[in-house]
Amino acid sequence: MAEVTDADFESEVIRSGVPVLVKFTADWCGPCRQLAPVLSDIAREESDRLKIVQLDVDANPRTTIAYGVLSTPTLMLFRDGEPVKSMVGARPKRRLLEELADVL
């Protein structure tokens, strides 16, 4: 999964031509680590219509604050440069795909 930062968030997420699911994460976050293989599978399976990236909240406070992220993991789906869905916490792959289906 690609990493994004405060410096490249706009070019990688906001100006992306496809929807982008951003995982706001931290090294110390256990549920974030649990979610990693689920997101890797989805990224591989949905690569033609969805981009998945992660942003370390500790290293990138500007973006974290700008989008009001208070908990990790927070998953935020951006489409056409705007956040259209936000989810907090780890979840199984099937449930995550169900939650994303209405906005993809």
PDB file of N, CA and C in Angstrom:
ATOM      1  N   MET A   1       0.842  -1.170   0.000  1.00  0.00           N
ATOM      2  CA  MET A   1       0.000   0.000   0.000  1.00  0.00           C
ATOM      3  C   MET A   1       0.895   1.243   0.000  1.00  0.00           C
ATOM      4  N   ALA A   2       0.607   2.157  -0.883  1.00  0.00           N
ATOM      5  CA  ALA A   2       1.416   3.369  -1.005  1.00  0.00           C
ATOM      6  C   ALA A   2       1.200   4.283   0.202  1.00  0.00           C
ATOM      7  N   GLU A   3       2.254   4.988   0.555  1.00  0.00           N
ATOM      8  CA  GLU A   3       2.207   5.975   1.638  1.00  0.00           C
ATOM      9  C   GLU A   3       2.012   7.354   1.023  1.00  0.00           C
ATOM     10  N   VAL A   4       1.177   8.172   1.661  1.00  0.00           N
ATOM     11  CA  VAL A   4       1.061   9.572   1.278  1.00  0.00           C
ATOM     12  C   VAL A   4       1.431  10.420   2.488  1.00  0.00           C
ATOM     13  N   THR A   5       1.771  11.665   2.221  1.00  0.00           N
ATOM     14  CA  THR A   5       2.198  12.584   3.274  1.00  0.00           C
ATOM     15  C   THR A   5       1.452  13.908   3.130  1.00  0.00           C
ATOM     16  N   ASP A   6       1.677  14.792   4.087  1.00  0.00           N
ATOM     17  CA  ASP A   6       1.119  16.140   3.959  1.00  0.00           C
ATOM     18  C   ASP A   6       1.554  16.772   2.642  1.00  0.00           C
ATOM     19  N   ALA A   7       2.808  16.527   2.252  1.00  0.00           N
ATOM     20  CA  ALA A   7       3.374  17.163   1.060  1.00  0.00           C
ATOM     21  C   ALA A   7       2.739  16.696  -0.245  1.00  0.00           C
ATOM     22  N   ASP A   8       2.353  15.410  -0.330  1.00  0.00           N
ATOM     23  CA  ASP A   8       1.821  14.918  -1.607  1.00  0.00           C
ATOM     24  C   ASP A   8       0.344  14.504  -1.545  1.00  0.00           C
ATOM     25  N   PHE A   9      -0.332  14.811  -0.451  1.00  0.00           N
ATOM     26  CA  PHE A   9      -1.732  14.422  -0.306  1.00  0.00           C
ATOM     27  C   PHE A   9      -2.595  15.005  -1.428  1.00  0.00           C
ATOM     28  N   GLU A  10      -2.389  16.257  -1.732  1.00  0.00           N
ATOM     29  CA  GLU A  10      -3.209  16.881  -2.779  1.00  0.00           C
ATOM     30  C   GLU A  10      -3.005  16.207  -4.129  1.00  0.00           C
ATOM     31  N   SER A  11      -1.759  15.967  -4.514  1.00  0.00           N
ATOM     32  CA  SER A  11      -1.506  15.374  -5.832  1.00  0.00           C
ATOM     33  C   SER A  11      -1.920  13.900  -5.895  1.00  0.00           C
ATOM     34  N   GLU A  12      -1.752  13.163  -4.809  1.00  0.00           N
ATOM     35  CA  GLU A  12      -2.045  11.725  -4.815  1.00  0.00           C
ATOM     36  C   GLU A  12      -3.504  11.391  -4.508  1.00  0.00           C
ATOM     37  N   VAL A  13      -4.173  12.234  -3.741  1.00  0.00           N
ATOM     38  CA  VAL A  13      -5.537  11.934  -3.312  1.00  0.00           C
ATOM     39  C   VAL A  13      -6.543  12.907  -3.926  1.00  0.00           C
ATOM     40  N   ILE A  14      -6.363  14.183  -3.662  1.00  0.00           N
ATOM     41  CA  ILE A  14      -7.346  15.187  -4.086  1.00  0.00           C
ATOM     42  C   ILE A  14      -7.462  15.250  -5.612  1.00  0.00           C
ATOM     43  N   ARG A  15      -6.335  15.180  -6.320  1.00  0.00           N
ATOM     44  CA  ARG A  15      -6.364  15.285  -7.789  1.00  0.00           C
ATOM     45  C   ARG A  15      -6.364  13.935  -8.491  1.00  0.00           C
ATOM     46  N   SER A  16      -6.608  12.855  -7.777  1.00  0.00           N
ATOM     47  CA  SER A  16      -6.619  11.528  -8.389  1.00  0.00           C
ATOM     48  C   SER A  16      -7.791  11.385  -9.347  1.00  0.00           C
ATOM     49  N   GLY A  17      -7.573  10.668 -10.421  1.00  0.00           N
ATOM     50  CA  GLY A  17      -8.622  10.425 -11.408  1.00  0.00           C
ATOM     51  C   GLY A  17      -9.562   9.298 -11.022  1.00  0.00           C
ATOM     52  N   VAL A  18      -9.224   8.566  -9.976  1.00  0.00           N
ATOM     53  CA  VAL A  18     -10.062   7.474  -9.475  1.00  0.00           C
ATOM     54  C   VAL A  18     -10.335   7.717  -7.989  1.00  0.00           C
ATOM     55  N   PRO A  19     -11.394   7.108  -7.448  1.00  0.00           N
ATOM     56  CA  PRO A  19     -11.628   7.232  -6.007  1.00  0.00           C
ATOM     57  C   PRO A  19     -10.421   6.714  -5.221  1.00  0.00           C
ATOM     58  N   VAL A  20     -10.162   7.347  -4.074  1.00  0.00           N
ATOM     59  CA  VAL A  20      -9.019   6.970  -3.238  1.00  0.00           C
ATOM     60  C   VAL A  20      -9.524   6.699  -1.827  1.00  0.00           C
ATOM     61  N   LEU A  21      -9.170   5.528  -1.307  1.00  0.00           N
ATOM     62  CA  LEU A  21      -9.459   5.193   0.079  1.00  0.00           C
ATOM     63  C   LEU A  21      -8.183   5.456   0.875  1.00  0.00           C
ATOM     64  N   VAL A  22      -8.265   6.374   1.827  1.00  0.00           N
ATOM     65  CA  VAL A  22      -7.111   6.731   2.651  1.00  0.00           C
ATOM     66  C   VAL A  22      -7.263   6.078   4.015  1.00  0.00           C
ATOM     67  N   LYS A  23      -6.247   5.334   4.398  1.00  0.00           N
ATOM     68  CA  LYS A  23      -6.200   4.747   5.736  1.00  0.00           C
ATOM     69  C   LYS A  23      -5.329   5.662   6.593  1.00  0.00           C
ATOM     70  N   PHE A  24      -5.946   6.342   7.551  1.00  0.00           N
ATOM     71  CA  PHE A  24      -5.210   7.155   8.506  1.00  0.00           C
ATOM     72  C   PHE A  24      -4.751   6.195   9.595  1.00  0.00           C
ATOM     73  N   THR A  25      -3.442   6.070   9.772  1.00  0.00           N
ATOM     74  CA  THR A  25      -2.872   5.008  10.573  1.00  0.00           C
ATOM     75  C   THR A  25      -1.751   5.517  11.469  1.00  0.00           C
ATOM     76  N   ALA A  26      -1.239   4.624  12.315  1.00  0.00           N
ATOM     77  CA  ALA A  26      -0.086   4.923  13.164  1.00  0.00           C
ATOM     78  C   ALA A  26       0.655   3.615  13.443  1.00  0.00           C
ATOM     79  N   ASP A  27       1.960   3.715  13.626  1.00  0.00           N
ATOM     80  CA  ASP A  27       2.771   2.519  13.892  1.00  0.00           C
ATOM     81  C   ASP A  27       2.313   1.770  15.137  1.00  0.00           C
ATOM     82  N   TRP A  28       1.848   2.477  16.141  1.00  0.00           N
ATOM     83  CA  TRP A  28       1.473   1.890  17.421  1.00  0.00           C
ATOM     84  C   TRP A  28       0.052   1.323  17.442  1.00  0.00           C
ATOM     85  N   CYS A  29      -0.675   1.427  16.353  1.00  0.00           N
ATOM     86  CA  CYS A  29      -2.092   1.057  16.292  1.00  0.00           C
ATOM     87  C   CYS A  29      -2.280  -0.411  15.889  1.00  0.00           C
ATOM     88  N   GLY A  30      -2.709  -1.242  16.849  1.00  0.00           N
ATOM     89  CA  GLY A  30      -2.947  -2.661  16.570  1.00  0.00           C
ATOM     90  C   GLY A  30      -4.027  -2.904  15.531  1.00  0.00           C
ATOM     91  N   PRO A  31      -5.208  -2.291  15.658  1.00  0.00           N
ATOM     92  CA  PRO A  31      -6.246  -2.494  14.648  1.00  0.00           C
ATOM     93  C   PRO A  31      -5.801  -2.055  13.244  1.00  0.00           C
ATOM     94  N   CYS A  32      -4.916  -1.064  13.182  1.00  0.00           N
ATOM     95  CA  CYS A  32      -4.383  -0.637  11.878  1.00  0.00           C
ATOM     96  C   CYS A  32      -3.608  -1.778  11.223  1.00  0.00           C
ATOM     97  N   ARG A  33      -2.828  -2.474  12.024  1.00  0.00           N
ATOM     98  CA  ARG A  33      -2.054  -3.613  11.499  1.00  0.00           C
ATOM     99  C   ARG A  33      -2.982  -4.748  11.068  1.00  0.00           C
ATOM    100  N   GLN A  34      -4.066  -4.965  11.810  1.00  0.00           N
ATOM    101  CA  GLN A  34      -5.040  -5.997  11.441  1.00  0.00           C
ATOM    102  C   GLN A  34      -5.705  -5.684  10.105  1.00  0.00           C
ATOM    103  N   LEU A  35      -5.920  -4.434   9.846  1.00  0.00           N
ATOM    104  CA  LEU A  35      -6.612  -3.992   8.634  1.00  0.00           C
ATOM    105  C   LEU A  35      -5.716  -4.027   7.396  1.00  0.00           C
ATOM    106  N   ALA A  36      -4.418  -4.004   7.581  1.00  0.00           N
ATOM    107  CA  ALA A  36      -3.480  -3.933   6.453  1.00  0.00           C
ATOM    108  C   ALA A  36      -3.676  -5.038   5.420  1.00  0.00           C
ATOM    109  N   PRO A  37      -3.745  -6.325   5.804  1.00  0.00           N
ATOM    110  CA  PRO A  37      -3.916  -7.361   4.769  1.00  0.00           C
ATOM    111  C   PRO A  37      -5.270  -7.278   4.069  1.00  0.00           C
ATOM    112  N   VAL A  38      -6.302  -6.841   4.768  1.00  0.00           N
ATOM    113  CA  VAL A  38      -7.621  -6.670   4.160  1.00  0.00           C
ATOM    114  C   VAL A  38      -7.549  -5.614   3.062  1.00  0.00           C
ATOM    115  N   LEU A  39      -6.909  -4.488   3.378  1.00  0.00           N
ATOM    116  CA  LEU A  39      -6.801  -3.407   2.388  1.00  0.00           C
ATOM    117  C   LEU A  39      -5.882  -3.796   1.232  1.00  0.00           C
ATOM    118  N   SER A  40      -4.850  -4.565   1.506  1.00  0.00           N
ATOM    119  CA  SER A  40      -3.968  -5.033   0.425  1.00  0.00           C
ATOM    120  C   SER A  40      -4.735  -5.909  -0.553  1.00  0.00           C
ATOM    121  N   ASP A  41      -5.581  -6.807  -0.029  1.00  0.00           N
ATOM    122  CA  ASP A  41      -6.406  -7.660  -0.897  1.00  0.00           C
ATOM    123  C   ASP A  41      -7.351  -6.814  -1.749  1.00  0.00           C
ATOM    124  N   ILE A  42      -8.024  -5.873  -1.109  1.00  0.00           N
ATOM    125  CA  ILE A  42      -8.968  -5.020  -1.841  1.00  0.00           C
ATOM    126  C   ILE A  42      -8.237  -4.186  -2.885  1.00  0.00           C
ATOM    127  N   ALA A  43      -7.081  -3.656  -2.533  1.00  0.00           N
ATOM    128  CA  ALA A  43      -6.298  -2.856  -3.486  1.00  0.00           C
ATOM    129  C   ALA A  43      -5.946  -3.670  -4.718  1.00  0.00           C
ATOM    130  N   ARG A  44      -5.577  -4.910  -4.507  1.00  0.00           N
ATOM    131  CA  ARG A  44      -5.215  -5.782  -5.628  1.00  0.00           C
ATOM    132  C   ARG A  44      -6.441  -6.112  -6.475  1.00  0.00           C
ATOM    133  N   GLU A  45      -7.555  -6.431  -5.834  1.00  0.00           N
ATOM    134  CA  GLU A  45      -8.764  -6.855  -6.549  1.00  0.00           C
ATOM    135  C   GLU A  45      -9.495  -5.700  -7.233  1.00  0.00           C
ATOM    136  N   GLU A  46      -9.401  -4.511  -6.675  1.00  0.00           N
ATOM    137  CA  GLU A  46     -10.159  -3.364  -7.186  1.00  0.00           C
ATOM    138  C   GLU A  46      -9.260  -2.306  -7.830  1.00  0.00           C
ATOM    139  N   SER A  47      -8.060  -2.681  -8.234  1.00  0.00           N
ATOM    140  CA  SER A  47      -7.076  -1.709  -8.720  1.00  0.00           C
ATOM    141  C   SER A  47      -7.546  -0.912  -9.931  1.00  0.00           C
ATOM    142  N   ASP A  48      -8.506  -1.444 -10.679  1.00  0.00           N
ATOM    143  CA  ASP A  48      -8.998  -0.728 -11.850  1.00  0.00           C
ATOM    144  C   ASP A  48      -9.964   0.405 -11.502  1.00  0.00           C
ATOM    145  N   ARG A  49     -10.524   0.385 -10.279  1.00  0.00           N
ATOM    146  CA  ARG A  49     -11.490   1.427  -9.937  1.00  0.00           C
ATOM    147  C   ARG A  49     -11.295   2.077  -8.575  1.00  0.00           C
ATOM    148  N   LEU A  50     -10.242   1.673  -7.843  1.00  0.00           N
ATOM    149  CA  LEU A  50     -10.006   2.214  -6.514  1.00  0.00           C
ATOM    150  C   LEU A  50      -8.517   2.221  -6.200  1.00  0.00           C
ATOM    151  N   LYS A  51      -8.054   3.334  -5.671  1.00  0.00           N
ATOM    152  CA  LYS A  51      -6.676   3.471  -5.208  1.00  0.00           C
ATOM    153  C   LYS A  51      -6.719   3.493  -3.682  1.00  0.00           C
ATOM    154  N   ILE A  52      -5.827   2.737  -3.040  1.00  0.00           N
ATOM    155  CA  ILE A  52      -5.779   2.711  -1.580  1.00  0.00           C
ATOM    156  C   ILE A  52      -4.396   3.155  -1.126  1.00  0.00           C
ATOM    157  N   VAL A  53      -4.365   4.129  -0.224  1.00  0.00           N
ATOM    158  CA  VAL A  53      -3.113   4.666   0.312  1.00  0.00           C
ATOM    159  C   VAL A  53      -3.242   4.781   1.825  1.00  0.00           C
ATOM    160  N   GLN A  54      -2.104   4.981   2.478  1.00  0.00           N
ATOM    161  CA  GLN A  54      -2.142   5.211   3.918  1.00  0.00           C
ATOM    162  C   GLN A  54      -1.338   6.444   4.283  1.00  0.00           C
ATOM    163  N   LEU A  55      -1.769   7.075   5.381  1.00  0.00           N
ATOM    164  CA  LEU A  55      -1.133   8.281   5.871  1.00  0.00           C
ATOM    165  C   LEU A  55      -0.879   8.112   7.363  1.00  0.00           C
ATOM    166  N   ASP A  56       0.367   8.281   7.779  1.00  0.00           N
ATOM    167  CA  ASP A  56       0.733   8.181   9.190  1.00  0.00           C
ATOM    168  C   ASP A  56       0.296   9.463   9.901  1.00  0.00           C
ATOM    169  N   VAL A  57      -0.616   9.328  10.866  1.00  0.00           N
ATOM    170  CA  VAL A  57      -1.176  10.502  11.527  1.00  0.00           C
ATOM    171  C   VAL A  57      -0.143  11.243  12.371  1.00  0.00           C
ATOM    172  N   ASP A  58       0.822  10.523  12.931  1.00  0.00           N
ATOM    173  CA  ASP A  58       1.843  11.157  13.760  1.00  0.00           C
ATOM    174  C   ASP A  58       2.818  11.984  12.927  1.00  0.00           C
ATOM    175  N   ALA A  59       3.146  11.497  11.755  1.00  0.00           N
ATOM    176  CA  ALA A  59       4.113  12.181  10.897  1.00  0.00           C
ATOM    177  C   ALA A  59       3.478  13.241  10.004  1.00  0.00           C
ATOM    178  N   ASN A  60       2.159  13.243   9.907  1.00  0.00           N
ATOM    179  CA  ASN A  60       1.455  14.146   8.984  1.00  0.00           C
ATOM    180  C   ASN A  60       0.269  14.833   9.663  1.00  0.00           C
ATOM    181  N   PRO A  61       0.552  15.683  10.631  1.00  0.00           N
ATOM    182  CA  PRO A  61      -0.532  16.301  11.402  1.00  0.00           C
ATOM    183  C   PRO A  61      -1.408  17.271  10.610  1.00  0.00           C
ATOM    184  N   ARG A  62      -0.858  17.920   9.600  1.00  0.00           N
ATOM    185  CA  ARG A  62      -1.638  18.911   8.853  1.00  0.00           C
ATOM    186  C   ARG A  62      -2.862  18.270   8.185  1.00  0.00           C
ATOM    187  N   THR A  63      -2.654  17.167   7.486  1.00  0.00           N
ATOM    188  CA  THR A  63      -3.761  16.485   6.809  1.00  0.00           C
ATOM    189  C   THR A  63      -4.692  15.835   7.820  1.00  0.00           C
ATOM    190  N   THR A  64      -4.122  15.248   8.864  1.00  0.00           N
ATOM    191  CA  THR A  64      -4.918  14.603   9.900  1.00  0.00           C
ATOM    192  C   THR A  64      -5.882  15.599  10.533  1.00  0.00           C
ATOM    193  N   ILE A  65      -5.398  16.768  10.877  1.00  0.00           N
ATOM    194  CA  ILE A  65      -6.227  17.811  11.493  1.00  0.00           C
ATOM    195  C   ILE A  65      -7.237  18.367  10.494  1.00  0.00           C
ATOM    196  N   ALA A  66      -6.792  18.575   9.256  1.00  0.00           N
ATOM    197  CA  ALA A  66      -7.670  19.156   8.233  1.00  0.00           C
ATOM    198  C   ALA A  66      -8.928  18.313   8.014  1.00  0.00           C
ATOM    199  N   TYR A  67      -8.818  16.994   8.160  1.00  0.00           N
ATOM    200  CA  TYR A  67      -9.960  16.122   7.926  1.00  0.00           C
ATOM    201  C   TYR A  67     -10.588  15.614   9.226  1.00  0.00           C
ATOM    202  N   GLY A  68     -10.190  16.191  10.344  1.00  0.00           N
ATOM    203  CA  GLY A  68     -10.830  15.885  11.624  1.00  0.00           C
ATOM    204  C   GLY A  68     -10.649  14.466  12.100  1.00  0.00           C
ATOM    205  N   VAL A  69      -9.536  13.852  11.753  1.00  0.00           N
ATOM    206  CA  VAL A  69      -9.289  12.469  12.170  1.00  0.00           C
ATOM    207  C   VAL A  69      -8.872  12.450  13.635  1.00  0.00           C
ATOM    208  N   LEU A  70      -9.651  11.732  14.453  1.00  0.00           N
ATOM    209  CA  LEU A  70      -9.397  11.656  15.887  1.00  0.00           C
ATOM    210  C   LEU A  70      -9.027  10.252  16.350  1.00  0.00           C
ATOM    211  N   SER A  71      -9.317   9.236  15.534  1.00  0.00           N
ATOM    212  CA  SER A  71      -9.062   7.845  15.904  1.00  0.00           C
ATOM    213  C   SER A  71      -8.383   7.119  14.758  1.00  0.00           C
ATOM    214  N   THR A  72      -7.627   6.076  15.120  1.00  0.00           N
ATOM    215  CA  THR A  72      -7.028   5.219  14.101  1.00  0.00           C
ATOM    216  C   THR A  72      -7.486   3.791  14.335  1.00  0.00           C
ATOM    217  N   PRO A  73      -7.713   3.038  13.280  1.00  0.00           N
ATOM    218  CA  PRO A  73      -7.679   3.492  11.903  1.00  0.00           C
ATOM    219  C   PRO A  73      -8.965   4.224  11.516  1.00  0.00           C
ATOM    220  N   THR A  74      -8.798   5.271  10.764  1.00  0.00           N
ATOM    221  CA  THR A  74      -9.917   5.927  10.104  1.00  0.00           C
ATOM    222  C   THR A  74      -9.733   5.704   8.614  1.00  0.00           C
ATOM    223  N   LEU A  75     -10.779   5.256   7.959  1.00  0.00           N
ATOM    224  CA  LEU A  75     -10.776   5.080   6.510  1.00  0.00           C
ATOM    225  C   LEU A  75     -11.654   6.173   5.928  1.00  0.00           C
ATOM    226  N   MET A  76     -11.094   6.912   4.980  1.00  0.00           N
ATOM    227  CA  MET A  76     -11.852   7.987   4.356  1.00  0.00           C
ATOM    228  C   MET A  76     -11.766   7.817   2.839  1.00  0.00           C
ATOM    229  N   LEU A  77     -12.927   7.750   2.207  1.00  0.00           N
ATOM    230  CA  LEU A  77     -12.982   7.602   0.760  1.00  0.00           C
ATOM    231  C   LEU A  77     -13.162   8.965   0.120  1.00  0.00           C
ATOM    232  N   PHE A  78     -12.266   9.290  -0.803  1.00  0.00           N
ATOM    233  CA  PHE A  78     -12.309  10.544  -1.551  1.00  0.00           C
ATOM    234  C   PHE A  78     -12.701  10.240  -2.992  1.00  0.00           C
ATOM    235  N   ARG A  79     -13.634  11.025  -3.496  1.00  0.00           N
ATOM    236  CA  ARG A  79     -14.026  10.925  -4.902  1.00  0.00           C
ATOM    237  C   ARG A  79     -14.114  12.344  -5.443  1.00  0.00           C
ATOM    238  N   ASP A  80     -13.479  12.578  -6.565  1.00  0.00           N
ATOM    239  CA  ASP A  80     -13.444  13.907  -7.179  1.00  0.00           C
ATOM    240  C   ASP A  80     -12.917  14.956  -6.200  1.00  0.00           C
ATOM    241  N   GLY A  81     -11.943  14.563  -5.394  1.00  0.00           N
ATOM    242  CA  GLY A  81     -11.290  15.492  -4.477  1.00  0.00           C
ATOM    243  C   GLY A  81     -12.010  15.763  -3.180  1.00  0.00           C
ATOM    244  N   GLU A  82     -13.158  15.128  -2.976  1.00  0.00           N
ATOM    245  CA  GLU A  82     -13.947  15.372  -1.769  1.00  0.00           C
ATOM    246  C   GLU A  82     -14.121  14.086  -0.964  1.00  0.00           C
ATOM    247  N   PRO A  83     -14.097  14.189   0.360  1.00  0.00           N
ATOM    248  CA  PRO A  83     -14.386  13.001   1.169  1.00  0.00           C
ATOM    249  C   PRO A  83     -15.879  12.676   1.076  1.00  0.00           C
ATOM    250  N   VAL A  84     -16.194  11.433   0.720  1.00  0.00           N
ATOM    251  CA  VAL A  84     -17.595  11.038   0.559  1.00  0.00           C
ATOM    252  C   VAL A  84     -18.033   9.992   1.581  1.00  0.00           C
ATOM    253  N   LYS A  85     -17.087   9.399   2.286  1.00  0.00           N
ATOM    254  CA  LYS A  85     -17.426   8.401   3.294  1.00  0.00           C
ATOM    255  C   LYS A  85     -16.271   8.290   4.268  1.00  0.00           C
ATOM    256  N   SER A  86     -16.609   8.130   5.545  1.00  0.00           N
ATOM    257  CA  SER A  86     -15.604   7.961   6.582  1.00  0.00           C
ATOM    258  C   SER A  86     -16.029   6.827   7.500  1.00  0.00           C
ATOM    259  N   MET A  87     -15.085   5.967   7.848  1.00  0.00           N
ATOM    260  CA  MET A  87     -15.351   4.831   8.726  1.00  0.00           C
ATOM    261  C   MET A  87     -14.217   4.734   9.739  1.00  0.00           C
ATOM    262  N   VAL A  88     -14.554   4.434  10.985  1.00  0.00           N
ATOM    263  CA  VAL A  88     -13.547   4.312  12.032  1.00  0.00           C
ATOM    264  C   VAL A  88     -13.498   2.875  12.513  1.00  0.00           C
ATOM    265  N   GLY A  89     -12.291   2.329  12.618  1.00  0.00           N
ATOM    266  CA  GLY A  89     -12.100   0.985  13.148  1.00  0.00           C
ATOM    267  C   GLY A  89     -11.867  -0.053  12.069  1.00  0.00           C
ATOM    268  N   ALA A  90     -11.288  -1.163  12.512  1.00  0.00           N
ATOM    269  CA  ALA A  90     -11.035  -2.290  11.609  1.00  0.00           C
ATOM    270  C   ALA A  90     -12.332  -3.043  11.380  1.00  0.00           C
ATOM    271  N   ARG A  91     -12.426  -3.690  10.238  1.00  0.00           N
ATOM    272  CA  ARG A  91     -13.592  -4.503   9.916  1.00  0.00           C
ATOM    273  C   ARG A  91     -13.173  -5.581   8.931  1.00  0.00           C
ATOM    274  N   PRO A  92     -13.951  -6.668   8.852  1.00  0.00           N
ATOM    275  CA  PRO A  92     -13.634  -7.735   7.895  1.00  0.00           C
ATOM    276  C   PRO A  92     -13.787  -7.241   6.451  1.00  0.00           C
ATOM    277  N   LYS A  93     -13.116  -7.916   5.564  1.00  0.00           N
ATOM    278  CA  LYS A  93     -13.110  -7.532   4.147  1.00  0.00           C
ATOM    279  C   LYS A  93     -14.525  -7.445   3.564  1.00  0.00           C
ATOM    280  N   ARG A  94     -15.332  -8.456   3.792  1.00  0.00           N
ATOM    281  CA  ARG A  94     -16.681  -8.466   3.208  1.00  0.00           C
ATOM    282  C   ARG A  94     -17.487  -7.255   3.673  1.00  0.00           C
ATOM    283  N   ARG A  95     -17.406  -6.945   4.955  1.00  0.00           N
ATOM    284  CA  ARG A  95     -18.160  -5.802   5.486  1.00  0.00           C
ATOM    285  C   ARG A  95     -17.644  -4.481   4.912  1.00  0.00           C
ATOM    286  N   LEU A  96     -16.340  -4.372   4.792  1.00  0.00           N
ATOM    287  CA  LEU A  96     -15.763  -3.155   4.224  1.00  0.00           C
ATOM    288  C   LEU A  96     -16.205  -2.970   2.777  1.00  0.00           C
ATOM    289  N   LEU A  97     -16.182  -4.028   1.999  1.00  0.00           N
ATOM    290  CA  LEU A  97     -16.640  -3.944   0.610  1.00  0.00           C
ATOM    291  C   LEU A  97     -18.118  -3.568   0.528  1.00  0.00           C
ATOM    292  N   GLU A  98     -18.929  -4.087   1.441  1.00  0.00           N
ATOM    293  CA  GLU A  98     -20.344  -3.714   1.470  1.00  0.00           C
ATOM    294  C   GLU A  98     -20.504  -2.226   1.758  1.00  0.00           C
ATOM    295  N   GLU A  99     -19.708  -1.717   2.702  1.00  0.00           N
ATOM    296  CA  GLU A  99     -19.811  -0.313   3.077  1.00  0.00           C
ATOM    297  C   GLU A  99     -19.325   0.615   1.951  1.00  0.00           C
ATOM    298  N   LEU A 100     -18.408   0.135   1.139  1.00  0.00           N
ATOM    299  CA  LEU A 100     -17.879   0.942   0.045  1.00  0.00           C
ATOM    300  C   LEU A 100     -18.732   0.840  -1.232  1.00  0.00           C
ATOM    301  N   ALA A 101     -19.524  -0.188  -1.338  1.00  0.00           N
ATOM    302  CA  ALA A 101     -20.269  -0.460  -2.578  1.00  0.00           C
ATOM    303  C   ALA A 101     -21.147   0.706  -3.006  1.00  0.00           C
ATOM    304  N   ASP A 102     -21.783   1.361  -2.066  1.00  0.00           N
ATOM    305  CA  ASP A 102     -22.705   2.436  -2.437  1.00  0.00           C
ATOM    306  C   ASP A 102     -22.006   3.711  -2.894  1.00  0.00           C
ATOM    307  N   VAL A 103     -20.727   3.829  -2.661  1.00  0.00           N
ATOM    308  CA  VAL A 103     -20.018   5.051  -3.072  1.00  0.00           C
ATOM    309  C   VAL A 103     -18.969   4.797  -4.163  1.00  0.00           C
ATOM    310  N   LEU A 104     -18.771   3.555  -4.530  1.00  0.00           N
ATOM    311  CA  LEU A 104     -17.806   3.276  -5.605  1.00  0.00           C
ATOM    312  C   LEU A 104     -18.470   3.244  -6.919  1.00  0.00           C
TER     313      LEU A 104
END
